[in-house]
Amino acid sequence: MTSGLGASIERAAELAVFLGSDDCGALSGRLIRAFADRFEGFPARVGEIMASEAYLLRRVDPERPFATSPSYPSLPVTGP
């Protein structure tokens, strides 16, 4: 059962079990959504996923952009 805004508790539990299993392998630093991503197929693709920007989770610091990231947005730097 869901509130209509996301995955069922069962689906979320399946993702948690996958992430804690050996099937997850070297998968790290990726954002996986229980309600939308078909993570059952990930074990065969861990190398491919880790070699790409797929599902990548990273912090973008506007004061120190990644020189190699062509998609880095031009953000104004504000603050103290």
Protein backbone atom coordinates (compact mmCIF):
# COMPACT_ATOMS: atom_id res chain seq x y z
CA MET A 1 0.00 0.00 0.00
CA THR A 2 1.25 3.51 -0.79
CA SER A 3 0.09 7.02 -0.10
CA GLY A 4 0.09 7.54 -3.85
CA LEU A 5 3.38 9.42 -3.67
CA GLY A 6 5.96 6.68 -3.94
CA ALA A 7 6.83 3.03 -3.60
CA SER A 8 5.02 0.51 -1.49
CA ILE A 9 6.66 -0.52 1.75
CA GLU A 10 7.32 -3.92 0.17
CA ARG A 11 9.11 -2.36 -2.81
CA ALA A 12 11.16 -0.11 -0.55
CA ALA A 13 12.10 -3.17 1.53
CA GLU A 14 13.16 -5.05 -1.63
CA LEU A 15 15.49 -2.16 -2.52
CA ALA A 16 16.93 -2.08 1.01
CA VAL A 17 17.60 -5.83 0.87
CA PHE A 18 19.25 -5.45 -2.55
CA LEU A 19 21.48 -2.61 -1.34
CA GLY A 20 22.60 -4.67 1.62
CA SER A 21 23.27 -7.80 -0.42
CA ASP A 22 26.32 -9.09 -2.25
CA ASP A 23 24.33 -8.59 -5.50
CA CYS A 24 24.81 -4.85 -5.06
CA GLY A 25 28.55 -5.36 -5.50
CA ALA A 26 30.56 -2.17 -5.97
CA LEU A 27 27.51 0.02 -6.56
CA SER A 28 28.15 3.24 -4.66
CA GLY A 29 27.24 6.92 -4.85
CA ARG A 30 24.12 6.34 -6.91
CA LEU A 31 20.55 7.48 -6.30
CA ILE A 32 18.17 4.57 -6.82
CA ARG A 33 14.41 5.05 -6.58
CA ALA A 34 12.36 2.13 -5.33
CA PHE A 35 9.24 3.37 -7.11
CA ALA A 36 10.78 3.88 -10.55
CA ASP A 37 14.09 2.08 -11.08
CA ARG A 38 14.25 -1.57 -12.11
CA PHE A 39 17.13 -2.42 -9.79
CA GLU A 40 16.63 -6.17 -10.22
CA GLY A 41 18.73 -5.92 -13.39
CA PHE A 42 21.50 -3.90 -11.75
CA PRO A 43 23.74 -6.83 -10.66
CA ALA A 44 24.60 -7.60 -14.28
CA ARG A 45 25.23 -3.89 -14.98
CA VAL A 46 27.17 -2.68 -11.91
CA GLY A 47 30.38 -2.18 -13.90
CA GLU A 48 28.55 -0.32 -16.64
CA ILE A 49 26.66 1.84 -14.13
CA MET A 50 29.79 2.71 -12.16
CA ALA A 51 31.68 3.62 -15.35
CA SER A 52 28.95 6.07 -16.37
CA GLU A 53 27.08 8.97 -14.83
CA ALA A 54 23.91 6.88 -14.61
CA TYR A 55 22.11 7.34 -11.29
CA LEU A 56 25.05 9.49 -10.14
CA LEU A 57 24.68 11.38 -6.90
CA ARG A 58 27.10 14.22 -6.34
CA ARG A 59 27.33 17.60 -4.74
CA VAL A 60 27.90 20.57 -7.02
CA ASP A 61 29.76 23.44 -5.39
CA PRO A 62 29.32 26.66 -7.39
CA GLU A 63 32.53 28.07 -5.92
CA ARG A 64 34.64 25.10 -7.07
CA PRO A 65 33.15 23.66 -10.28
CA PHE A 66 34.39 20.46 -11.83
CA ALA A 67 36.63 21.45 -14.72
CA THR A 68 35.73 18.26 -16.57
CA SER A 69 31.95 18.65 -16.29
CA PRO A 70 30.51 20.22 -19.46
CA SER A 71 27.04 20.19 -17.89
CA TYR A 72 28.06 22.32 -14.91
CA PRO A 73 25.54 25.15 -14.61
CA SER A 74 26.64 28.73 -14.38
CA LEU A 75 25.33 29.63 -10.93
CA PRO A 76 25.81 32.93 -9.15
CA VAL A 77 27.89 32.62 -5.98
CA THR A 78 26.09 34.21 -3.04
CA GLY A 79 26.51 34.18 0.68
CA PRO A 80 28.87 35.45 3.34
